[in-house]
């Protein structure tokens, strides 16, 4: 398929700027692949579609405050530094994106905080906007982390046209977030409240956790028309023995397995045995799922409404079917669903 097939016109007022008042009270569009049926529900109603011994697989990655603002030495020019990942802990080397990039060269120093609490030196260029920087900090790892927490802000996507506030620290994070490393939230999971998870567990539904640290590559524009030529940025993932036991038992007993989010689906599809079971593994995945694709593990998917021409929308089309997905998106726009990270959800059965 071609990239140009995955476009649609979205009114800007449908891009959610704030989360719903309560996590589990966003809207839920339910689409059934077999019948082509599409219905509007409330997210809490997700309970109606799952029964005893079904499994929800969630991504327990934790978002860190990745966006920082520094000043360039001598000129004092304001520079946005977006932390992507730590390359070397002892040397405090980080892979970052800088903006405006044209002003930042190897050897430049950047100062962060009102009293220059943190200083970094640019030591390499990686891409047009990418740099490797070294933080010049003498304290302990805990002290360094505390400073990053203090100076960094919640990395809300750019299409949310406001500054992050205190509420975002909690709401741009799933209630089951555990392992820090993501620069973007696994947004399908944002709809699950602790109360809803408890009620699902009482209903007999089991939860399995995997980890995939979402990087900016997930959202990087696809620049080739022929999807088979697109290369995804690699993202770190980990699937342990315990999660595999839960998932494989459900699969062998023909219970429903629901992937909560496209990041979870990428992790699952990156670790499959020849018998189409989930296997424990850890590493980096650059799996790019596009139609046509045979999914191995999950048979249902919770996901948000995504940007046009993104790998996320393309994966949903691979899972739900191109025509049905695009029809659902048309209906979502007509029915004024809220889109993107803080928006409403879709359940594909």
Protein backbone atom coordinates (compact mmCIF):
# COMPACT_ATOMS: atom_id res chain seq x y z
CA UNK A 1 0.00 0.00 0.00
CA UNK A 2 0.97 3.63 -0.52
CA UNK A 3 1.44 6.31 2.12
CA UNK A 4 -0.98 8.66 0.34
CA UNK A 5 -3.84 6.22 1.08
CA UNK A 6 -3.59 6.97 4.81
CA UNK A 7 -4.67 10.59 4.81
CA UNK A 8 -7.85 12.32 6.01
CA UNK A 9 -8.96 15.87 6.82
CA UNK A 10 -9.24 16.52 10.52
CA UNK A 11 -10.86 19.69 11.92
CA UNK A 12 -8.36 21.24 14.37
CA UNK A 13 -11.05 21.63 17.06
CA UNK A 14 -11.19 17.82 17.40
CA UNK A 15 -7.57 17.62 18.64
CA UNK A 16 -7.92 17.13 22.41
CA UNK A 17 -6.01 19.78 24.36
CA UNK A 18 -6.85 18.38 27.80
CA UNK A 19 -7.63 14.88 29.13
CA UNK A 20 -11.21 13.85 29.92
CA UNK A 21 -12.32 14.74 33.48
CA UNK A 22 -11.99 11.06 34.48
CA UNK A 23 -9.75 8.55 32.74
CA UNK A 24 -12.41 5.93 32.11
CA UNK A 25 -15.13 8.35 31.00
CA UNK A 26 -13.78 9.13 27.56
CA UNK A 27 -15.80 7.88 24.62
CA UNK A 28 -15.19 4.49 23.03
CA UNK A 29 -15.87 3.55 19.43
CA UNK A 30 -16.26 -0.21 19.05
CA UNK A 31 -15.65 -1.73 15.63
CA UNK A 32 -16.20 -5.37 14.77
CA UNK A 33 -14.07 -6.75 11.97
CA UNK A 34 -16.34 -9.70 11.14
CA UNK A 35 -19.58 -7.75 10.78
CA UNK A 36 -18.25 -4.27 9.95
CA UNK A 37 -20.47 -2.95 12.75
CA UNK A 38 -19.42 0.36 14.37
CA UNK A 39 -20.99 1.65 17.60
CA UNK A 40 -20.48 4.50 20.04
CA UNK A 41 -20.00 3.62 23.71
CA UNK A 42 -18.34 4.94 26.87
CA UNK A 43 -14.88 3.64 27.78
CA UNK A 44 -16.19 1.98 30.95
CA UNK A 45 -18.36 -0.22 28.70
CA UNK A 46 -15.22 -2.07 27.58
CA UNK A 47 -16.16 -4.55 30.32
CA UNK A 48 -19.12 -5.72 28.21
CA UNK A 49 -16.80 -7.18 25.55
CA UNK A 50 -14.55 -9.36 27.71
CA UNK A 51 -15.17 -12.29 30.03
CA UNK A 52 -13.46 -14.53 32.57
CA UNK A 53 -9.87 -15.55 31.63
CA UNK A 54 -9.54 -13.03 28.79
CA UNK A 55 -6.27 -11.07 28.92
CA UNK A 56 -5.37 -7.40 28.53
CA UNK A 57 -1.71 -6.83 27.64
CA UNK A 58 -0.46 -3.38 28.70
CA UNK A 59 2.75 -1.40 28.21
CA UNK A 60 4.16 -0.43 31.63
CA UNK A 61 6.69 2.09 30.30
CA UNK A 62 6.95 5.37 32.21
CA UNK A 63 7.32 8.79 30.58
CA UNK A 64 10.16 10.95 31.87
CA UNK A 65 10.22 14.78 31.75
CA UNK A 66 12.11 14.82 28.46
CA UNK A 67 11.67 18.43 27.31
CA UNK A 68 14.16 20.92 28.72
CA UNK A 69 14.95 24.54 27.94
CA UNK A 70 18.52 25.78 28.07
CA UNK A 71 20.58 28.79 27.07
CA UNK A 72 23.48 28.79 24.68
CA UNK A 73 26.81 30.05 26.07
CA UNK A 74 27.81 33.62 25.16
CA UNK A 75 24.65 34.48 23.16
CA UNK A 76 22.10 33.32 25.77
CA UNK A 77 19.83 32.12 22.93
CA UNK A 78 16.97 29.92 24.22
CA UNK A 79 17.33 26.32 23.03
CA UNK A 80 14.84 23.49 23.42
CA UNK A 81 16.56 20.19 24.21
CA UNK A 82 14.44 17.05 23.92
CA UNK A 83 16.04 14.07 25.68
CA UNK A 84 15.60 10.90 23.63
CA UNK A 85 17.65 8.34 25.52
CA UNK A 86 20.61 7.88 27.80
CA UNK A 87 23.56 6.47 25.85
CA UNK A 88 26.10 6.09 28.64
CA UNK A 89 25.18 6.44 32.31
CA UNK A 90 28.64 6.94 33.91
CA UNK A 91 29.55 9.63 31.36
CA UNK A 92 26.04 11.15 31.33
CA UNK A 93 25.87 10.96 27.55
CA UNK A 94 22.44 11.54 26.00
CA UNK A 95 20.94 11.36 22.53
CA UNK A 96 18.85 14.53 22.09
CA UNK A 97 17.03 16.69 19.56
CA UNK A 98 17.73 20.43 19.65
CA UNK A 99 15.64 23.31 18.35
CA UNK A 100 16.65 25.58 16.66
CA UNK A 101 19.33 23.17 15.47
CA UNK A 102 21.19 25.57 13.19
CA UNK A 103 22.53 27.42 16.24
CA UNK A 104 23.96 24.38 17.99
CA UNK A 105 27.39 23.09 17.00
CA UNK A 106 29.83 20.57 18.42
CA UNK A 107 31.72 22.16 21.32
CA UNK A 108 28.87 24.50 22.34
CA UNK A 109 27.89 24.56 26.00
CA UNK A 110 24.25 24.76 27.13
CA UNK A 111 23.14 26.06 30.54
CA UNK A 112 19.94 24.92 32.28
CA UNK A 113 18.07 26.43 35.24
CA UNK A 114 17.91 29.96 36.61
CA UNK A 115 21.24 29.50 38.39
CA UNK A 116 22.91 27.26 35.79
CA UNK A 117 22.23 24.17 37.93
CA UNK A 118 23.12 21.99 34.97
CA UNK A 119 25.58 22.41 32.12
CA UNK A 120 25.90 20.24 29.00
CA UNK A 121 28.41 20.14 26.19
CA UNK A 122 27.53 19.18 22.61
CA UNK A 123 29.94 16.44 21.52
CA UNK A 124 28.50 15.11 18.25
CA UNK A 125 25.94 15.62 15.47
CA UNK A 126 23.69 12.62 14.81
CA UNK A 127 20.97 13.83 12.40
CA UNK A 128 19.95 17.26 11.12
CA UNK A 129 18.40 18.13 14.51
CA UNK A 130 19.97 15.34 16.54
CA UNK A 131 22.96 15.80 18.85
CA UNK A 132 24.88 13.82 21.44
CA UNK A 133 25.41 15.86 24.59
CA UNK A 134 27.35 15.23 27.80
CA UNK A 135 25.99 16.63 31.06
CA UNK A 136 28.81 18.04 33.17
CA UNK A 137 27.59 17.04 36.62
CA UNK A 138 29.68 15.82 39.53
CA UNK A 139 26.98 14.60 41.93
CA UNK A 140 25.41 11.15 42.36
CA UNK A 141 23.03 9.48 39.91
CA UNK A 142 20.10 10.22 42.24
CA UNK A 143 21.02 13.90 42.42
CA UNK A 144 21.37 14.03 38.64
CA UNK A 145 17.92 12.40 38.17
CA UNK A 146 16.37 14.85 40.64
CA UNK A 147 17.75 17.79 38.68
CA UNK A 148 16.37 16.37 35.41
CA UNK A 149 12.98 15.93 37.13
CA UNK A 150 13.07 19.53 38.34
CA UNK A 151 14.27 21.17 35.12
CA UNK A 152 12.48 18.93 32.62
CA UNK A 153 8.81 19.21 31.71
CA UNK A 154 6.18 16.65 30.67
CA UNK A 155 6.81 16.04 26.94
CA UNK A 156 3.32 16.78 25.64
CA UNK A 157 3.13 16.46 21.83
CA UNK A 158 3.46 19.72 19.89
CA UNK A 159 -0.16 19.57 18.69
CA UNK A 160 -1.24 20.24 22.29
CA UNK A 161 -0.99 24.01 22.12
CA UNK A 162 -0.39 24.85 25.76
CA UNK A 163 2.27 24.57 28.43
CA UNK A 164 2.22 21.39 30.55
CA UNK A 165 0.78 21.85 34.04
CA UNK A 166 0.77 19.84 37.28
CA UNK A 167 -2.18 17.74 36.13
CA UNK A 168 -0.21 16.54 33.09
CA UNK A 169 2.45 14.97 35.34
CA UNK A 170 -0.19 12.48 36.44
CA UNK A 171 -2.50 12.30 33.42
CA UNK A 172 0.18 11.91 30.70
CA UNK A 173 1.14 8.67 32.44
CA UNK A 174 -0.71 5.37 32.79
CA UNK A 175 -1.75 4.29 36.29
CA UNK A 176 0.43 1.17 35.87
CA UNK A 177 3.59 2.97 34.62
CA UNK A 178 6.69 1.38 36.19
CA UNK A 179 9.86 1.53 34.12
CA UNK A 180 11.09 4.96 33.05
CA UNK A 181 12.28 5.37 29.47
CA UNK A 182 9.48 6.67 27.21
CA UNK A 183 9.35 10.15 25.67
CA UNK A 184 5.68 9.71 24.74
CA UNK A 185 2.89 8.04 26.69
CA UNK A 186 1.34 4.76 25.47
CA UNK A 187 -1.91 6.68 25.07
CA UNK A 188 -4.41 3.81 24.80
CA UNK A 189 -3.54 2.98 28.41
CA UNK A 190 -4.42 6.47 29.65
CA UNK A 191 -8.12 5.48 29.68
CA UNK A 192 -7.68 2.83 32.37
CA UNK A 193 -8.38 4.01 35.92
CA UNK A 194 -7.40 1.95 38.96
CA UNK A 195 -11.11 1.40 39.64
CA UNK A 196 -11.79 0.07 36.13
CA UNK A 197 -8.78 -2.28 36.31
CA UNK A 198 -10.07 -3.59 39.66
CA UNK A 199 -13.55 -4.19 38.22
CA UNK A 200 -12.08 -6.00 35.20
CA UNK A 201 -10.00 -8.20 37.51
CA UNK A 202 -13.07 -9.02 39.62
CA UNK A 203 -14.74 -10.03 36.33
CA UNK A 204 -11.92 -12.60 35.89
CA UNK A 205 -9.84 -10.70 33.34
CA UNK A 206 -6.07 -10.97 33.72
CA UNK A 207 -3.46 -8.31 32.97
CA UNK A 208 -0.05 -9.06 31.47
CA UNK A 209 2.62 -6.35 31.37
CA UNK A 210 5.26 -5.78 28.72
CA UNK A 211 7.64 -2.83 28.33
CA UNK A 212 8.31 -0.81 25.19
CA UNK A 213 9.92 2.60 25.62
CA UNK A 214 8.19 4.80 23.08
CA UNK A 215 10.66 7.02 21.23
CA UNK A 216 10.03 9.89 18.85
CA UNK A 217 10.57 7.49 15.94
CA UNK A 218 7.01 6.25 16.42
CA UNK A 219 5.81 9.73 15.43
CA UNK A 220 8.48 10.60 12.89
CA UNK A 221 6.93 11.46 9.51
CA UNK A 222 7.07 8.66 6.95
CA UNK A 223 8.81 10.13 3.93
CA UNK A 224 8.47 7.31 1.38
CA UNK A 225 5.37 6.59 -0.68
CA UNK A 226 6.18 2.87 -0.82
CA UNK A 227 5.62 1.64 2.75
CA UNK A 228 7.86 -1.38 2.30
CA UNK A 229 10.82 1.03 2.09
CA UNK A 230 10.15 2.80 5.42
CA UNK A 231 12.62 2.13 8.25
CA UNK A 232 11.35 2.49 11.81
CA UNK A 233 13.62 3.81 14.55
CA UNK A 234 14.47 1.02 16.99
CA UNK A 235 12.81 1.10 20.41
CA UNK A 236 13.79 -0.87 23.51
CA UNK A 237 11.35 -3.57 24.66
CA UNK A 238 11.22 -6.31 27.28
CA UNK A 239 8.84 -9.24 27.70
CA UNK A 240 9.30 -11.48 30.75
CA UNK A 241 8.43 -15.10 31.45
CA UNK A 242 5.46 -14.19 33.66
CA UNK A 243 3.72 -12.18 30.89
CA UNK A 244 4.32 -15.02 28.42
CA UNK A 245 2.68 -17.55 30.76
CA UNK A 246 -0.46 -15.43 31.12
CA UNK A 247 -0.74 -14.70 27.38
CA UNK A 248 0.08 -18.21 26.14
CA UNK A 249 -2.33 -19.89 28.57
CA UNK A 250 -5.14 -17.64 27.30
CA UNK A 251 -4.15 -18.30 23.69
CA UNK A 252 -4.07 -22.08 24.13
CA UNK A 253 -7.48 -22.01 25.81
CA UNK A 254 -8.99 -19.75 23.10
CA UNK A 255 -9.61 -16.76 25.34
CA UNK A 256 -9.49 -13.25 23.97
CA UNK A 257 -6.16 -11.39 24.09
CA UNK A 258 -6.42 -7.62 23.86
CA UNK A 259 -3.41 -5.43 23.10
CA UNK A 260 -3.78 -2.10 24.87
CA UNK A 261 -2.13 0.20 22.35
CA UNK A 262 0.01 0.04 19.23
CA UNK A 263 3.24 0.10 21.28
CA UNK A 264 2.11 -3.05 23.11
CA UNK A 265 1.28 -4.64 19.75
CA UNK A 266 4.77 -3.85 18.42
CA UNK A 267 6.34 -5.50 21.45
CA UNK A 268 4.15 -8.60 21.11
CA UNK A 269 4.85 -8.98 17.39
CA UNK A 270 8.59 -8.64 18.03
CA UNK A 271 8.75 -11.76 20.19
CA UNK A 272 6.87 -14.70 18.63
CA UNK A 273 7.81 -18.40 18.48
CA UNK A 274 7.38 -20.62 15.41
CA UNK A 275 4.21 -21.96 17.12
CA UNK A 276 2.82 -18.38 17.23
CA UNK A 277 3.22 -18.12 20.99
CA UNK A 278 4.78 -15.26 22.95
CA UNK A 279 8.38 -15.78 24.08
CA UNK A 280 10.43 -13.92 26.71
CA UNK A 281 12.93 -11.54 25.15
CA UNK A 282 14.60 -8.17 25.53
CA UNK A 283 16.25 -5.89 23.01
CA UNK A 284 15.51 -3.34 20.32
CA UNK A 285 12.70 -3.62 17.79
CA UNK A 286 12.28 -1.75 14.51
CA UNK A 287 9.25 -3.80 13.43
CA UNK A 288 7.03 -1.75 11.11
CA UNK A 289 3.54 -3.24 10.80
CA UNK A 290 1.66 -2.29 7.64
CA UNK A 291 -0.99 -4.00 5.48
CA UNK A 292 -1.01 -6.84 4.63
CA UNK A 293 0.10 -8.36 7.95
CA UNK A 294 -0.81 -11.54 9.87
CA UNK A 295 -0.99 -10.82 13.59
CA UNK A 296 0.25 -13.61 15.83
CA UNK A 297 -0.79 -12.89 19.41
CA UNK A 298 -3.57 -10.36 20.04
CA UNK A 299 -7.05 -10.69 18.55
CA UNK A 300 -8.38 -7.33 19.77
CA UNK A 301 -6.90 -3.86 20.13
CA UNK A 302 -7.54 -0.71 22.17
CA UNK A 303 -6.12 2.37 20.52
CA UNK A 304 -6.60 6.14 20.24
CA UNK A 305 -7.40 8.08 17.06
CA UNK A 306 -4.12 8.86 15.31
CA UNK A 307 -2.56 11.43 13.00
CA UNK A 308 -2.85 10.90 9.23
CA UNK A 309 0.07 9.17 7.47
CA UNK A 310 1.59 7.80 10.71
CA UNK A 311 2.88 4.33 11.49
CA UNK A 312 0.21 4.16 14.23
CA UNK A 313 -2.74 4.67 11.85
CA UNK A 314 -1.11 2.29 9.36
CA UNK A 315 -0.85 -0.43 12.01
CA UNK A 316 -4.53 0.00 12.96
CA UNK A 317 -5.44 -0.38 9.28
CA UNK A 318 -3.37 -3.58 9.14
CA UNK A 319 -5.29 -4.94 12.14
CA UNK A 320 -8.84 -3.73 11.50
CA UNK A 321 -8.76 -3.61 7.69
CA UNK A 322 -8.13 -0.50 5.63
CA UNK A 323 -11.72 0.21 4.51
CA UNK A 324 -13.26 -0.37 7.93
CA UNK A 325 -10.66 1.78 9.69
CA UNK A 326 -11.09 4.70 7.29
CA UNK A 327 -14.88 4.40 7.59
CA UNK A 328 -14.54 4.46 11.40
CA UNK A 329 -12.35 7.57 11.21
CA UNK A 330 -14.94 9.31 8.99
CA UNK A 331 -17.62 8.47 11.56
CA UNK A 332 -15.36 9.63 14.42
CA UNK A 333 -14.98 13.04 12.74
CA UNK A 334 -18.73 13.27 12.04
CA UNK A 335 -19.57 12.28 15.64
CA UNK A 336 -16.97 14.69 17.02
CA UNK A 337 -14.71 12.21 18.78
CA UNK A 338 -11.62 13.76 20.38
CA UNK A 339 -8.36 12.85 18.60
CA UNK A 340 -4.76 12.02 19.52
CA UNK A 341 -3.01 11.61 22.89
CA UNK A 342 -5.67 13.03 25.21
CA UNK A 343 -8.53 12.00 22.94
CA UNK A 344 -11.08 9.19 22.88
CA UNK A 345 -10.51 5.49 22.26
CA UNK A 346 -11.33 2.79 19.75
CA UNK A 347 -11.78 -0.93 20.47
CA UNK A 348 -11.23 -3.25 17.50
CA UNK A 349 -12.71 -6.73 17.92
